Amino acid sequence: MQHTSVGITYTQKFNLGNYNSLELGVNLYAKVDPDEEAEVVAELLLKQAEAIVKAQAAPALKGVNYQAQAH
């Protein structure tokens, strides 16, 4: 069976210390062309999602020694 689209959800929790945390997530979807593999497209989406979440968290994490906990 050929997949026509794939989607991923990526969430990461950042421990800010003092019982504070920041949890960010993103959902990404993409069409899969007939000449593409769905697994390859999903891997690319995952890399993009990780980069998006890290970029969005960067301002809040400046100067904080956080411990990331991926979900």
N, C-alpha and C. Protein backbone atom coordinates (compact mmCIF):
# COMPACT_ATOMS: atom_id res chain seq x y z
N MET A 1 0.84 -1.18 0.00
CA MET A 1 0.00 0.00 0.00
C MET A 1 0.88 1.24 0.00
N GLN A 2 0.57 2.17 -0.85
CA GLN A 2 1.33 3.42 -0.97
C GLN A 2 0.71 4.47 -0.05
N HIS A 3 1.56 5.09 0.79
CA HIS A 3 1.11 6.18 1.66
C HIS A 3 1.11 7.47 0.86
N THR A 4 0.07 8.26 1.02
CA THR A 4 -0.01 9.52 0.31
C THR A 4 0.35 10.71 1.18
N SER A 5 0.36 10.50 2.51
CA SER A 5 0.77 11.57 3.43
C SER A 5 1.29 10.95 4.72
N VAL A 6 2.10 11.71 5.43
CA VAL A 6 2.61 11.29 6.73
C VAL A 6 2.52 12.47 7.68
N GLY A 7 2.45 12.17 8.95
CA GLY A 7 2.41 13.22 9.96
C GLY A 7 3.19 12.78 11.19
N ILE A 8 3.75 13.74 11.89
CA ILE A 8 4.47 13.45 13.11
C ILE A 8 4.08 14.49 14.18
N THR A 9 4.19 14.06 15.41
CA THR A 9 4.02 14.94 16.56
C THR A 9 5.30 14.85 17.37
N TYR A 10 5.87 16.00 17.72
CA TYR A 10 7.10 16.03 18.50
C TYR A 10 6.88 16.96 19.69
N THR A 11 7.18 16.48 20.89
CA THR A 11 7.06 17.26 22.10
C THR A 11 8.33 17.11 22.90
N GLN A 12 8.77 18.21 23.51
CA GLN A 12 9.94 18.16 24.37
C GLN A 12 9.68 19.01 25.60
N LYS A 13 10.07 18.48 26.76
CA LYS A 13 9.93 19.22 28.01
C LYS A 13 11.30 19.65 28.48
N PHE A 14 11.42 20.92 28.83
CA PHE A 14 12.67 21.49 29.29
C PHE A 14 12.53 21.82 30.78
N ASN A 15 13.41 21.26 31.61
CA ASN A 15 13.41 21.52 33.05
C ASN A 15 14.14 22.84 33.29
N LEU A 16 13.43 23.82 33.83
CA LEU A 16 14.01 25.13 34.07
C LEU A 16 14.51 25.30 35.50
N GLY A 17 14.34 24.30 36.33
CA GLY A 17 14.75 24.39 37.73
C GLY A 17 13.66 25.01 38.58
N ASN A 18 13.83 24.92 39.88
CA ASN A 18 12.86 25.47 40.84
C ASN A 18 11.43 25.03 40.54
N TYR A 19 11.27 23.76 40.17
CA TYR A 19 9.96 23.17 39.88
C TYR A 19 9.24 23.84 38.70
N ASN A 20 9.99 24.45 37.82
CA ASN A 20 9.44 25.06 36.61
C ASN A 20 9.89 24.27 35.40
N SER A 21 9.02 24.19 34.43
CA SER A 21 9.39 23.54 33.17
C SER A 21 8.67 24.22 32.02
N LEU A 22 9.18 23.96 30.84
CA LEU A 22 8.60 24.48 29.60
C LEU A 22 8.40 23.30 28.67
N GLU A 23 7.17 23.11 28.22
CA GLU A 23 6.88 22.01 27.30
C GLU A 23 6.39 22.60 25.98
N LEU A 24 7.07 22.23 24.92
CA LEU A 24 6.72 22.73 23.58
C LEU A 24 6.50 21.54 22.66
N GLY A 25 5.62 21.71 21.71
CA GLY A 25 5.36 20.64 20.75
C GLY A 25 4.94 21.20 19.41
N VAL A 26 5.03 20.35 18.41
CA VAL A 26 4.65 20.74 17.06
C VAL A 26 4.12 19.50 16.33
N ASN A 27 3.15 19.72 15.47
CA ASN A 27 2.63 18.67 14.58
C ASN A 27 2.96 19.09 13.15
N LEU A 28 3.55 18.18 12.39
CA LEU A 28 3.88 18.46 11.00
C LEU A 28 3.31 17.36 10.10
N TYR A 29 2.84 17.77 8.94
CA TYR A 29 2.28 16.83 7.97
C TYR A 29 2.86 17.14 6.59
N ALA A 30 2.97 16.10 5.77
CA ALA A 30 3.49 16.29 4.41
C ALA A 30 2.88 15.25 3.47
N LYS A 31 2.72 15.66 2.23
CA LYS A 31 2.30 14.72 1.19
C LYS A 31 3.52 13.91 0.76
N VAL A 32 3.27 12.66 0.41
CA VAL A 32 4.34 11.79 -0.08
C VAL A 32 4.12 11.58 -1.57
N ASP A 33 5.09 12.00 -2.35
CA ASP A 33 5.01 11.80 -3.80
C ASP A 33 5.19 10.32 -4.13
N PRO A 34 4.68 9.88 -5.25
CA PRO A 34 4.78 8.47 -5.62
C PRO A 34 6.23 7.96 -5.70
N ASP A 35 7.19 8.84 -6.00
CA ASP A 35 8.59 8.41 -6.10
C ASP A 35 9.35 8.54 -4.78
N GLU A 36 8.66 8.85 -3.68
CA GLU A 36 9.30 9.00 -2.37
C GLU A 36 8.89 7.86 -1.43
N GLU A 37 9.74 7.62 -0.44
CA GLU A 37 9.44 6.65 0.61
C GLU A 37 8.85 7.39 1.80
N ALA A 38 7.75 6.89 2.34
CA ALA A 38 7.09 7.54 3.47
C ALA A 38 8.01 7.64 4.68
N GLU A 39 8.84 6.63 4.92
CA GLU A 39 9.75 6.64 6.06
C GLU A 39 10.78 7.77 5.96
N VAL A 40 11.26 8.02 4.76
CA VAL A 40 12.25 9.09 4.54
C VAL A 40 11.59 10.45 4.79
N VAL A 41 10.39 10.62 4.31
CA VAL A 41 9.67 11.88 4.52
C VAL A 41 9.41 12.08 6.02
N ALA A 42 9.02 11.03 6.73
CA ALA A 42 8.77 11.12 8.17
C ALA A 42 10.05 11.50 8.93
N GLU A 43 11.19 10.94 8.53
CA GLU A 43 12.46 11.29 9.17
C GLU A 43 12.81 12.76 8.96
N LEU A 44 12.56 13.26 7.77
CA LEU A 44 12.80 14.68 7.49
C LEU A 44 11.88 15.57 8.33
N LEU A 45 10.62 15.16 8.47
CA LEU A 45 9.70 15.92 9.30
C LEU A 45 10.15 15.94 10.75
N LEU A 46 10.65 14.82 11.24
CA LEU A 46 11.12 14.75 12.62
C LEU A 46 12.29 15.70 12.85
N LYS A 47 13.23 15.72 11.92
CA LYS A 47 14.37 16.65 12.05
C LYS A 47 13.90 18.10 12.05
N GLN A 48 12.95 18.41 11.19
CA GLN A 48 12.40 19.77 11.15
C GLN A 48 11.69 20.11 12.46
N ALA A 49 10.93 19.17 12.98
CA ALA A 49 10.19 19.41 14.23
C ALA A 49 11.15 19.66 15.39
N GLU A 50 12.21 18.86 15.48
CA GLU A 50 13.20 19.06 16.54
C GLU A 50 13.82 20.44 16.45
N ALA A 51 14.16 20.87 15.25
CA ALA A 51 14.77 22.19 15.06
C ALA A 51 13.79 23.31 15.42
N ILE A 52 12.53 23.16 15.06
CA ILE A 52 11.52 24.17 15.37
C ILE A 52 11.36 24.32 16.88
N VAL A 53 11.24 23.19 17.58
CA VAL A 53 11.04 23.24 19.04
C VAL A 53 12.25 23.84 19.73
N LYS A 54 13.45 23.44 19.32
CA LYS A 54 14.65 24.00 19.94
C LYS A 54 14.77 25.50 19.68
N ALA A 55 14.42 25.94 18.49
CA ALA A 55 14.48 27.37 18.18
C ALA A 55 13.47 28.16 19.00
N GLN A 56 12.28 27.61 19.18
CA GLN A 56 11.25 28.29 19.96
C GLN A 56 11.61 28.33 21.45
N ALA A 57 12.34 27.32 21.93
CA ALA A 57 12.72 27.26 23.35
C ALA A 57 13.93 28.11 23.67
N ALA A 58 14.75 28.41 22.69
CA ALA A 58 16.02 29.09 22.93
C ALA A 58 15.91 30.36 23.76
N PRO A 59 14.97 31.27 23.47
CA PRO A 59 14.91 32.49 24.28
C PRO A 59 14.63 32.22 25.76
N ALA A 60 13.79 31.25 26.06
CA ALA A 60 13.44 30.94 27.44
C ALA A 60 14.56 30.21 28.16
N LEU A 61 15.44 29.56 27.40
CA LEU A 61 16.49 28.75 28.00
C LEU A 61 17.82 29.48 28.13
N LYS A 62 17.87 30.71 27.66
CA LYS A 62 19.12 31.47 27.76
C LYS A 62 19.54 31.59 29.23
N GLY A 63 20.74 31.16 29.53
CA GLY A 63 21.27 31.27 30.88
C GLY A 63 20.73 30.24 31.85
N VAL A 64 19.92 29.30 31.37
CA VAL A 64 19.37 28.25 32.24
C VAL A 64 20.02 26.93 31.89
N ASN A 65 20.49 26.21 32.89
CA ASN A 65 21.05 24.87 32.67
C ASN A 65 19.89 23.88 32.73
N TYR A 66 19.31 23.57 31.56
CA TYR A 66 18.13 22.72 31.54
C TYR A 66 18.50 21.28 31.22
N GLN A 67 17.56 20.36 31.56
CA GLN A 67 17.67 18.95 31.22
C GLN A 67 16.48 18.61 30.33
N ALA A 68 16.76 18.22 29.11
CA ALA A 68 15.68 17.92 28.17
C ALA A 68 15.15 16.52 28.39
N GLN A 69 13.82 16.40 28.32
CA GLN A 69 13.15 15.11 28.45
C GLN A 69 12.22 14.95 27.27
N ALA A 70 12.63 14.18 26.27
CA ALA A 70 11.81 13.99 25.08
C ALA A 70 10.65 13.06 25.38
N HIS A 71 9.49 13.35 24.78
CA HIS A 71 8.29 12.50 24.93
C HIS A 71 8.12 11.68 23.69
